PDB file of all heavy atoms in Angstrom:
ATOM      1  N   GLN A   1      90.568  39.002 132.118  1.00  0.00           N
ATOM      2  CA  GLN A   1      89.739  37.855 131.743  1.00  0.00           C
ATOM      3  C   GLN A   1      90.411  36.546 132.108  1.00  0.00           C
ATOM      4  O   GLN A   1      89.750  35.590 132.536  1.00  0.00           O
ATOM      5  CB  GLN A   1      89.436  37.891 130.244  1.00  0.00           C
ATOM      6  CG  GLN A   1      88.352  36.897 129.816  1.00  0.00           C
ATOM      7  CD  GLN A   1      87.009  37.196 130.467  1.00  0.00           C
ATOM      8  OE1 GLN A   1      86.519  38.317 130.388  1.00  0.00           O
ATOM      9  NE2 GLN A   1      86.430  36.203 131.126  1.00  0.00           N
ATOM     10  N   GLU A   2      91.733  36.487 131.957  1.00  0.00           N
ATOM     11  CA  GLU A   2      92.469  35.286 132.348  1.00  0.00           C
ATOM     12  C   GLU A   2      92.295  34.992 133.826  1.00  0.00           C
ATOM     13  O   GLU A   2      92.176  33.831 134.238  1.00  0.00           O
ATOM     14  CB  GLU A   2      93.955  35.457 132.020  1.00  0.00           C
ATOM     15  CG  GLU A   2      94.281  35.380 130.532  1.00  0.00           C
ATOM     16  CD  GLU A   2      95.746  35.651 130.255  1.00  0.00           C
ATOM     17  OE1 GLU A   2      96.460  36.095 131.191  1.00  0.00           O
ATOM     18  OE2 GLU A   2      96.183  35.436 129.106  1.00  0.00           O
ATOM     19  N   ARG A   3      92.268  36.035 134.637  1.00  0.00           N
ATOM     20  CA  ARG A   3      92.061  35.842 136.074  1.00  0.00           C
ATOM     21  C   ARG A   3      90.661  35.318 136.357  1.00  0.00           C
ATOM     22  O   ARG A   3      90.466  34.496 137.259  1.00  0.00           O
ATOM     23  CB  ARG A   3      92.286  37.160 136.815  1.00  0.00           C
ATOM     24  CG  ARG A   3      93.730  37.618 136.819  1.00  0.00           C
ATOM     25  CD  ARG A   3      93.914  38.925 137.588  1.00  0.00           C
ATOM     26  NE  ARG A   3      95.309  39.343 137.599  1.00  0.00           N
ATOM     27  CZ  ARG A   3      95.767  40.422 138.219  1.00  0.00           C
ATOM     28  NH1 ARG A   3      94.917  41.195 138.898  1.00  0.00           N
ATOM     29  NH2 ARG A   3      97.048  40.728 138.177  1.00  0.00           N
ATOM     30  N   LEU A   4      89.699  35.777 135.596  1.00  0.00           N
ATOM     31  CA  LEU A   4      88.319  35.331 135.796  1.00  0.00           C
ATOM     32  C   LEU A   4      88.114  33.900 135.309  1.00  0.00           C
ATOM     33  O   LEU A   4      87.333  33.135 135.885  1.00  0.00           O
ATOM     34  CB  LEU A   4      87.356  36.275 135.072  1.00  0.00           C
ATOM     35  CG  LEU A   4      87.214  37.673 135.682  1.00  0.00           C
ATOM     36  CD1 LEU A   4      86.491  38.602 134.713  1.00  0.00           C
ATOM     37  CD2 LEU A   4      86.485  37.625 137.012  1.00  0.00           C
ATOM     38  N   ASP A   5      88.840  33.531 134.250  1.00  0.00           N
ATOM     39  CA  ASP A   5      88.662  32.197 133.662  1.00  0.00           C
ATOM     40  C   ASP A   5      89.400  31.105 134.417  1.00  0.00           C
ATOM     41  O   ASP A   5      89.098  29.921 134.241  1.00  0.00           O
ATOM     42  CB  ASP A   5      89.146  32.208 132.200  1.00  0.00           C
ATOM     43  CG  ASP A   5      88.275  33.081 131.304  1.00  0.00           C
ATOM     44  OD1 ASP A   5      87.143  33.400 131.723  1.00  0.00           O
ATOM     45  OD2 ASP A   5      88.735  33.454 130.202  1.00  0.00           O
ATOM     46  N   ASP A   6      90.356  31.471 135.244  1.00  0.00           N
ATOM     47  CA  ASP A   6      91.167  30.499 135.972  1.00  0.00           C
ATOM     48  C   ASP A   6      90.847  30.580 137.462  1.00  0.00           C
ATOM     49  O   ASP A   6      91.206  31.554 138.126  1.00  0.00           O
ATOM     50  CB  ASP A   6      92.649  30.791 135.740  1.00  0.00           C
ATOM     51  CG  ASP A   6      93.562  29.752 136.383  1.00  0.00           C
ATOM     52  OD1 ASP A   6      93.067  28.918 137.174  1.00  0.00           O
ATOM     53  OD2 ASP A   6      94.781  29.787 136.103  1.00  0.00           O
ATOM     54  N   PRO A   7      90.169  29.565 138.027  1.00  0.00           N
ATOM     55  CA  PRO A   7      89.810  29.605 139.454  1.00  0.00           C
ATOM     56  C   PRO A   7      91.003  29.798 140.380  1.00  0.00           C
ATOM     57  O   PRO A   7      90.861  30.369 141.464  1.00  0.00           O
ATOM     58  CB  PRO A   7      89.150  28.240 139.685  1.00  0.00           C
ATOM     59  CG  PRO A   7      88.632  27.842 138.338  1.00  0.00           C
ATOM     60  CD  PRO A   7      89.649  28.369 137.360  1.00  0.00           C
ATOM     61  N   THR A   8      92.196  29.342 139.952  1.00  0.00           N
ATOM     62  CA  THR A   8      93.366  29.496 140.812  1.00  0.00           C
ATOM     63  C   THR A   8      93.868  30.940 140.839  1.00  0.00           C
ATOM     64  O   THR A   8      94.735  31.273 141.640  1.00  0.00           O
ATOM     65  CB  THR A   8      94.515  28.583 140.342  1.00  0.00           C
ATOM     66  OG1 THR A   8      94.988  29.009 139.057  1.00  0.00           O
ATOM     67  CG2 THR A   8      94.056  27.132 140.259  1.00  0.00           C
ATOM     68  N   LYS A   9      93.303  31.796 139.976  1.00  0.00           N
ATOM     69  CA  LYS A   9      93.701  33.202 139.946  1.00  0.00           C
ATOM     70  C   LYS A   9      92.594  34.131 140.450  1.00  0.00           C
ATOM     71  O   LYS A   9      92.744  35.351 140.405  1.00  0.00           O
ATOM     72  CB  LYS A   9      94.117  33.611 138.530  1.00  0.00           C
ATOM     73  CG  LYS A   9      95.367  32.904 138.035  1.00  0.00           C
ATOM     74  CD  LYS A   9      95.775  33.410 136.647  1.00  0.00           C
ATOM     75  CE  LYS A   9      97.058  32.729 136.176  1.00  0.00           C
ATOM     76  NZ  LYS A   9      97.479  33.204 134.831  1.00  0.00           N
ATOM     77  N   HIS A  10      91.490  33.537 140.921  1.00  0.00           N
ATOM     78  CA  HIS A  10      90.388  34.381 141.401  1.00  0.00           C
ATOM     79  C   HIS A  10      90.805  35.254 142.580  1.00  0.00           C
ATOM     80  O   HIS A  10      90.266  36.346 142.768  1.00  0.00           O
ATOM     81  CB  HIS A  10      89.200  33.500 141.794  1.00  0.00           C
ATOM     82  CG  HIS A  10      88.440  32.977 140.616  1.00  0.00           C
ATOM     83  ND1 HIS A  10      87.338  32.152 140.735  1.00  0.00           N
ATOM     84  CD2 HIS A  10      88.622  33.165 139.272  1.00  0.00           C
ATOM     85  CE1 HIS A  10      86.880  31.851 139.529  1.00  0.00           C
ATOM     86  NE2 HIS A  10      87.646  32.451 138.630  1.00  0.00           N
ATOM     87  N   TRP A  11      91.767  34.782 143.357  1.00  0.00           N
ATOM     88  CA  TRP A  11      92.204  35.555 144.528  1.00  0.00           C
ATOM     89  C   TRP A  11      92.865  36.864 144.115  1.00  0.00           C
ATOM     90  O   TRP A  11      92.922  37.817 144.899  1.00  0.00           O
ATOM     91  CB  TRP A  11      93.185  34.728 145.368  1.00  0.00           C
ATOM     92  CG  TRP A  11      94.475  34.412 144.666  1.00  0.00           C
ATOM     93  CD1 TRP A  11      94.734  33.359 143.849  1.00  0.00           C
ATOM     94  CD2 TRP A  11      95.690  35.171 144.716  1.00  0.00           C
ATOM     95  NE1 TRP A  11      96.024  33.406 143.379  1.00  0.00           N
ATOM     96  CE2 TRP A  11      96.637  34.509 143.908  1.00  0.00           C
ATOM     97  CE3 TRP A  11      96.080  36.332 145.380  1.00  0.00           C
ATOM     98  CZ2 TRP A  11      97.937  34.969 143.733  1.00  0.00           C
ATOM     99  CZ3 TRP A  11      97.375  36.802 145.208  1.00  0.00           C
ATOM    100  CH2 TRP A  11      98.287  36.123 144.396  1.00  0.00           C
ATOM    101  N   LYS A  12      93.331  36.926 142.856  1.00  0.00           N
ATOM    102  CA  LYS A  12      93.954  38.154 142.367  1.00  0.00           C
ATOM    103  C   LYS A  12      92.932  39.197 141.921  1.00  0.00           C
ATOM    104  O   LYS A  12      93.287  40.353 141.679  1.00  0.00           O
ATOM    105  CB  LYS A  12      94.871  37.848 141.171  1.00  0.00           C
ATOM    106  CG  LYS A  12      96.100  37.036 141.501  1.00  0.00           C
ATOM    107  CD  LYS A  12      96.977  36.902 140.256  1.00  0.00           C
ATOM    108  CE  LYS A  12      98.276  36.179 140.549  1.00  0.00           C
ATOM    109  NZ  LYS A  12      99.143  36.117 139.336  1.00  0.00           N
ATOM    110  N   PHE A  13      91.681  38.763 141.777  1.00  0.00           N
ATOM    111  CA  PHE A  13      90.667  39.646 141.198  1.00  0.00           C
ATOM    112  C   PHE A  13      89.801  40.265 142.288  1.00  0.00           C
ATOM    113  O   PHE A  13      89.389  39.595 143.230  1.00  0.00           O
ATOM    114  CB  PHE A  13      89.778  38.862 140.228  1.00  0.00           C
ATOM    115  CG  PHE A  13      88.754  39.704 139.526  1.00  0.00           C
ATOM    116  CD1 PHE A  13      89.081  40.436 138.408  1.00  0.00           C
ATOM    117  CD2 PHE A  13      87.456  39.792 140.010  1.00  0.00           C
ATOM    118  CE1 PHE A  13      88.148  41.226 137.761  1.00  0.00           C
ATOM    119  CE2 PHE A  13      86.504  40.570 139.380  1.00  0.00           C
ATOM    120  CZ  PHE A  13      86.855  41.295 138.252  1.00  0.00           C
ATOM    121  N   ALA A  14      89.529  41.550 142.139  1.00  0.00           N
ATOM    122  CA  ALA A  14      88.609  42.253 143.037  1.00  0.00           C
ATOM    123  C   ALA A  14      87.558  42.947 142.195  1.00  0.00           C
ATOM    124  O   ALA A  14      87.840  43.427 141.090  1.00  0.00           O
ATOM    125  CB  ALA A  14      89.362  43.279 143.884  1.00  0.00           C
ATOM    126  N   ALA A  15      86.340  42.995 142.711  1.00  0.00           N
ATOM    127  CA  ALA A  15      85.249  43.605 141.953  1.00  0.00           C
ATOM    128  C   ALA A  15      85.578  45.045 141.575  1.00  0.00           C
ATOM    129  O   ALA A  15      85.194  45.532 140.505  1.00  0.00           O
ATOM    130  CB  ALA A  15      83.963  43.547 142.761  1.00  0.00           C
ATOM    131  N   GLY A  16      86.318  45.711 142.436  1.00  0.00           N
ATOM    132  CA  GLY A  16      86.681  47.096 142.168  1.00  0.00           C
ATOM    133  C   GLY A  16      87.585  47.262 140.954  1.00  0.00           C
ATOM    134  O   GLY A  16      87.692  48.371 140.403  1.00  0.00           O
ATOM    135  N   ASP A  17      88.240  46.165 140.508  1.00  0.00           N
ATOM    136  CA  ASP A  17      89.117  46.250 139.345  1.00  0.00           C
ATOM    137  C   ASP A  17      88.351  46.713 138.107  1.00  0.00           C
ATOM    138  O   ASP A  17      88.872  47.473 137.287  1.00  0.00           O
ATOM    139  CB  ASP A  17      89.765  44.891 139.064  1.00  0.00           C
ATOM    140  CG  ASP A  17      90.737  44.466 140.152  1.00  0.00           C
ATOM    141  OD1 ASP A  17      91.129  45.316 140.979  1.00  0.00           O
ATOM    142  OD2 ASP A  17      91.101  43.269 140.176  1.00  0.00           O
ATOM    143  N   LEU A  18      87.116  46.247 137.966  1.00  0.00           N
ATOM    144  CA  LEU A  18      86.317  46.623 136.799  1.00  0.00           C
ATOM    145  C   LEU A  18      85.857  48.073 136.888  1.00  0.00           C
ATOM    146  O   LEU A  18      85.744  48.760 135.864  1.00  0.00           O
ATOM    147  CB  LEU A  18      85.110  45.685 136.666  1.00  0.00           C
ATOM    148  CG  LEU A  18      85.453  44.207 136.425  1.00  0.00           C
ATOM    149  CD1 LEU A  18      84.176  43.392 136.271  1.00  0.00           C
ATOM    150  CD2 LEU A  18      86.329  44.050 135.188  1.00  0.00           C
ATOM    151  N   GLU A  19      85.598  48.535 138.106  1.00  0.00           N
ATOM    152  CA  GLU A  19      85.211  49.946 138.267  1.00  0.00           C
ATOM    153  C   GLU A  19      86.373  50.873 137.942  1.00  0.00           C
ATOM    154  O   GLU A  19      86.208  51.900 137.277  1.00  0.00           O
ATOM    155  CB  GLU A  19      84.720  50.187 139.700  1.00  0.00           C
ATOM    156  CG  GLU A  19      83.404  49.490 140.029  1.00  0.00           C
ATOM    157  CD  GLU A  19      82.292  49.905 139.066  1.00  0.00           C
ATOM    158  OE1 GLU A  19      82.124  51.117 138.833  1.00  0.00           O
ATOM    159  OE2 GLU A  19      81.605  49.004 138.543  1.00  0.00           O
ATOM    160  N   VAL A  20      87.565  50.486 138.387  1.00  0.00           N
ATOM    161  CA  VAL A  20      88.747  51.292 138.085  1.00  0.00           C
ATOM    162  C   VAL A  20      89.021  51.271 136.582  1.00  0.00           C
ATOM    163  O   VAL A  20      89.435  52.290 136.004  1.00  0.00           O
ATOM    164  CB  VAL A  20      89.969  50.775 138.870  1.00  0.00           C
ATOM    165  CG1 VAL A  20      91.246  51.480 138.424  1.00  0.00           C
ATOM    166  CG2 VAL A  20      89.758  50.980 140.365  1.00  0.00           C
ATOM    167  N   ARG A  21      88.753  50.158 135.939  1.00  0.00           N
ATOM    168  CA  ARG A  21      88.977  50.061 134.489  1.00  0.00           C
ATOM    169  C   ARG A  21      88.122  51.074 133.727  1.00  0.00           C
ATOM    170  O   ARG A  21      88.537  51.587 132.684  1.00  0.00           O
ATOM    171  CB  ARG A  21      88.686  48.637 134.008  1.00  0.00           C
ATOM    172  CG  ARG A  21      88.875  48.441 132.512  1.00  0.00           C
ATOM    173  CD  ARG A  21      88.817  46.966 132.147  1.00  0.00           C
ATOM    174  NE  ARG A  21      88.615  46.779 130.711  1.00  0.00           N
ATOM    175  CZ  ARG A  21      89.574  46.883 129.797  1.00  0.00           C
ATOM    176  NH1 ARG A  21      90.802  47.185 130.155  1.00  0.00           N
ATOM    177  NH2 ARG A  21      89.295  46.690 128.519  1.00  0.00           N
ATOM    178  N   LYS A  22      86.947  51.364 134.263  1.00  0.00           N
ATOM    179  CA  LYS A  22      86.080  52.363 133.628  1.00  0.00           C
ATOM    180  C   LYS A  22      86.715  53.754 133.655  1.00  0.00           C
ATOM    181  O   LYS A  22      86.323  54.635 132.894  1.00  0.00           O
ATOM    182  CB  LYS A  22      84.720  52.396 134.325  1.00  0.00           C
ATOM    183  CG  LYS A  22      83.909  51.114 134.159  1.00  0.00           C
ATOM    184  CD  LYS A  22      82.616  51.193 134.951  1.00  0.00           C
ATOM    185  CE  LYS A  22      81.812  49.894 134.844  1.00  0.00           C
ATOM    186  NZ  LYS A  22      80.563  49.955 135.664  1.00  0.00           N
ATOM    187  N   GLN A  23      87.692  53.950 134.543  1.00  0.00           N
ATOM    188  CA  GLN A  23      88.377  55.242 134.657  1.00  0.00           C
ATOM    189  C   GLN A  23      89.708  55.244 133.901  1.00  0.00           C
ATOM    190  O   GLN A  23      90.591  56.035 134.188  1.00  0.00           O
ATOM    191  CB  GLN A  23      88.632  55.559 136.141  1.00  0.00           C
ATOM    192  CG  GLN A  23      87.369  55.664 136.994  1.00  0.00           C
ATOM    193  CD  GLN A  23      87.690  55.769 138.474  1.00  0.00           C
ATOM    194  OE1 GLN A  23      88.296  54.873 139.062  1.00  0.00           O
ATOM    195  NE2 GLN A  23      87.287  56.873 139.086  1.00  0.00           N
ATOM    196  N   TRP A  24      89.830  54.366 132.937  1.00  0.00           N
ATOM    197  CA  TRP A  24      91.090  54.175 132.213  1.00  0.00           C
ATOM    198  C   TRP A  24      91.670  55.492 131.719  1.00  0.00           C
ATOM    199  O   TRP A  24      92.829  55.818 131.966  1.00  0.00           O
ATOM    200  CB  TRP A  24      90.893  53.214 131.044  1.00  0.00           C
ATOM    201  CG  TRP A  24      92.129  53.010 130.237  1.00  0.00           C
ATOM    202  CD1 TRP A  24      92.559  53.734 129.154  1.00  0.00           C
ATOM    203  CD2 TRP A  24      93.138  52.004 130.466  1.00  0.00           C
ATOM    204  NE1 TRP A  24      93.754  53.250 128.684  1.00  0.00           N
ATOM    205  CE2 TRP A  24      94.135  52.195 129.463  1.00  0.00           C
ATOM    206  CE3 TRP A  24      93.287  50.972 131.387  1.00  0.00           C
ATOM    207  CZ2 TRP A  24      95.258  51.373 129.380  1.00  0.00           C
ATOM    208  CZ3 TRP A  24      94.416  50.160 131.303  1.00  0.00           C
ATOM    209  CH2 TRP A  24      95.381  50.370 130.320  1.00  0.00           C
ATOM    210  N   ASP A  25      90.881  56.260 130.999  1.00  0.00           N
ATOM    211  CA  ASP A  25      91.386  57.510 130.414  1.00  0.00           C
ATOM    212  C   ASP A  25      91.823  58.498 131.496  1.00  0.00           C
ATOM    213  O   ASP A  25      92.845  59.187 131.344  1.00  0.00           O
ATOM    214  CB  ASP A  25      90.325  58.153 129.520  1.00  0.00           C
ATOM    215  CG  ASP A  25      90.073  57.338 128.249  1.00  0.00           C
ATOM    216  OD1 ASP A  25      90.930  56.505 127.894  1.00  0.00           O
ATOM    217  OD2 ASP A  25      89.015  57.539 127.620  1.00  0.00           O
ATOM    218  N   ALA A  26      91.049  58.559 132.575  1.00  0.00           N
ATOM    219  CA  ALA A  26      91.403  59.476 133.665  1.00  0.00           C
ATOM    220  C   ALA A  26      92.724  59.071 134.307  1.00  0.00           C
ATOM    221  O   ALA A  26      93.552  59.936 134.653  1.00  0.00           O
ATOM    222  CB  ALA A  26      90.290  59.502 134.708  1.00  0.00           C
ATOM    223  N   TYR A  27      92.946  57.775 134.446  1.00  0.00           N
ATOM    224  CA  TYR A  27      94.211  57.324 135.026  1.00  0.00           C
ATOM    225  C   TYR A  27      95.380  57.534 134.071  1.00  0.00           C
ATOM    226  O   TYR A  27      96.492  57.874 134.509  1.00  0.00           O
ATOM    227  CB  TYR A  27      94.125  55.860 135.458  1.00  0.00           C
ATOM    228  CG  TYR A  27      93.635  55.702 136.876  1.00  0.00           C
ATOM    229  CD1 TYR A  27      92.333  55.307 137.155  1.00  0.00           C
ATOM    230  CD2 TYR A  27      94.474  55.988 137.952  1.00  0.00           C
ATOM    231  CE1 TYR A  27      91.878  55.186 138.465  1.00  0.00           C
ATOM    232  CE2 TYR A  27      94.038  55.863 139.265  1.00  0.00           C
ATOM    233  CZ  TYR A  27      92.744  55.467 139.509  1.00  0.00           C
ATOM    234  OH  TYR A  27      92.306  55.369 140.809  1.00  0.00           O
ATOM    235  N   GLN A  28      95.156  57.353 132.778  1.00  0.00           N
ATOM    236  CA  GLN A  28      96.235  57.619 131.824  1.00  0.00           C
ATOM    237  C   GLN A  28      96.665  59.086 131.905  1.00  0.00           C
ATOM    238  O   GLN A  28      97.861  59.400 131.852  1.00  0.00           O
ATOM    239  CB  GLN A  28      95.787  57.270 130.408  1.00  0.00           C
ATOM    240  CG  GLN A  28      95.511  55.797 130.182  1.00  0.00           C
ATOM    241  CD  GLN A  28      96.718  54.904 130.427  1.00  0.00           C
ATOM    242  OE1 GLN A  28      97.716  54.975 129.706  1.00  0.00           O
ATOM    243  NE2 GLN A  28      96.654  54.058 131.440  1.00  0.00           N
ATOM    244  N   GLN A  29      95.682  59.977 132.067  1.00  0.00           N
ATOM    245  CA  GLN A  29      96.009  61.391 132.213  1.00  0.00           C
ATOM    246  C   GLN A  29      96.717  61.655 133.535  1.00  0.00           C
ATOM    247  O   GLN A  29      97.676  62.425 133.612  1.00  0.00           O
ATOM    248  CB  GLN A  29      94.736  62.236 132.131  1.00  0.00           C
ATOM    249  CG  GLN A  29      94.987  63.741 132.201  1.00  0.00           C
ATOM    250  CD  GLN A  29      95.867  64.235 131.081  1.00  0.00           C
ATOM    251  OE1 GLN A  29      95.544  64.033 129.911  1.00  0.00           O
ATOM    252  NE2 GLN A  29      96.984  64.884 131.410  1.00  0.00           N
ATOM    253  N   ALA A  30      96.261  60.984 134.595  1.00  0.00           N
ATOM    254  CA  ALA A  30      96.875  61.171 135.908  1.00  0.00           C
ATOM    255  C   ALA A  30      98.319  60.670 135.916  1.00  0.00           C
ATOM    256  O   ALA A  30      99.211  61.312 136.499  1.00  0.00           O
ATOM    257  CB  ALA A  30      96.058  60.451 136.978  1.00  0.00           C
ATOM    258  N   TYR A  31      98.566  59.531 135.263  1.00  0.00           N
ATOM    259  CA  TYR A  31      99.942  59.032 135.157  1.00  0.00           C
ATOM    260  C   TYR A  31     100.801  60.016 134.376  1.00  0.00           C
ATOM    261  O   TYR A  31     101.956  60.272 134.739  1.00  0.00           O
ATOM    262  CB  TYR A  31      99.959  57.663 134.471  1.00  0.00           C
ATOM    263  CG  TYR A  31      99.503  56.515 135.331  1.00  0.00           C
ATOM    264  CD1 TYR A  31      98.511  55.639 134.883  1.00  0.00           C
ATOM    265  CD2 TYR A  31     100.070  56.273 136.574  1.00  0.00           C
ATOM    266  CE1 TYR A  31      98.087  54.570 135.663  1.00  0.00           C
ATOM    267  CE2 TYR A  31      99.652  55.206 137.359  1.00  0.00           C
ATOM    268  CZ  TYR A  31      98.660  54.356 136.891  1.00  0.00           C
ATOM    269  OH  TYR A  31      98.240  53.310 137.667  1.00  0.00           O
ATOM    270  N   SER A  32     100.255  60.545 133.290  1.00  0.00           N
ATOM    271  CA  SER A  32     101.003  61.518 132.486  1.00  0.00           C
ATOM    272  C   SER A  32     101.386  62.728 133.327  1.00  0.00           C
ATOM    273  O   SER A  32     102.521  63.212 133.277  1.00  0.00           O
ATOM    274  CB  SER A  32     100.174  61.950 131.278  1.00  0.00           C
ATOM    275  OG  SER A  32      99.932  60.871 130.393  1.00  0.00           O
TER     276      SER A  32
END
């Protein structure tokens, strides 16, 4: 959210970041 709220940080944000966030649990298992 900080990246979205700060125009100088928009370059760090990609639309795919939110899609990957939806896979949070799957990634936690994959990291484990």
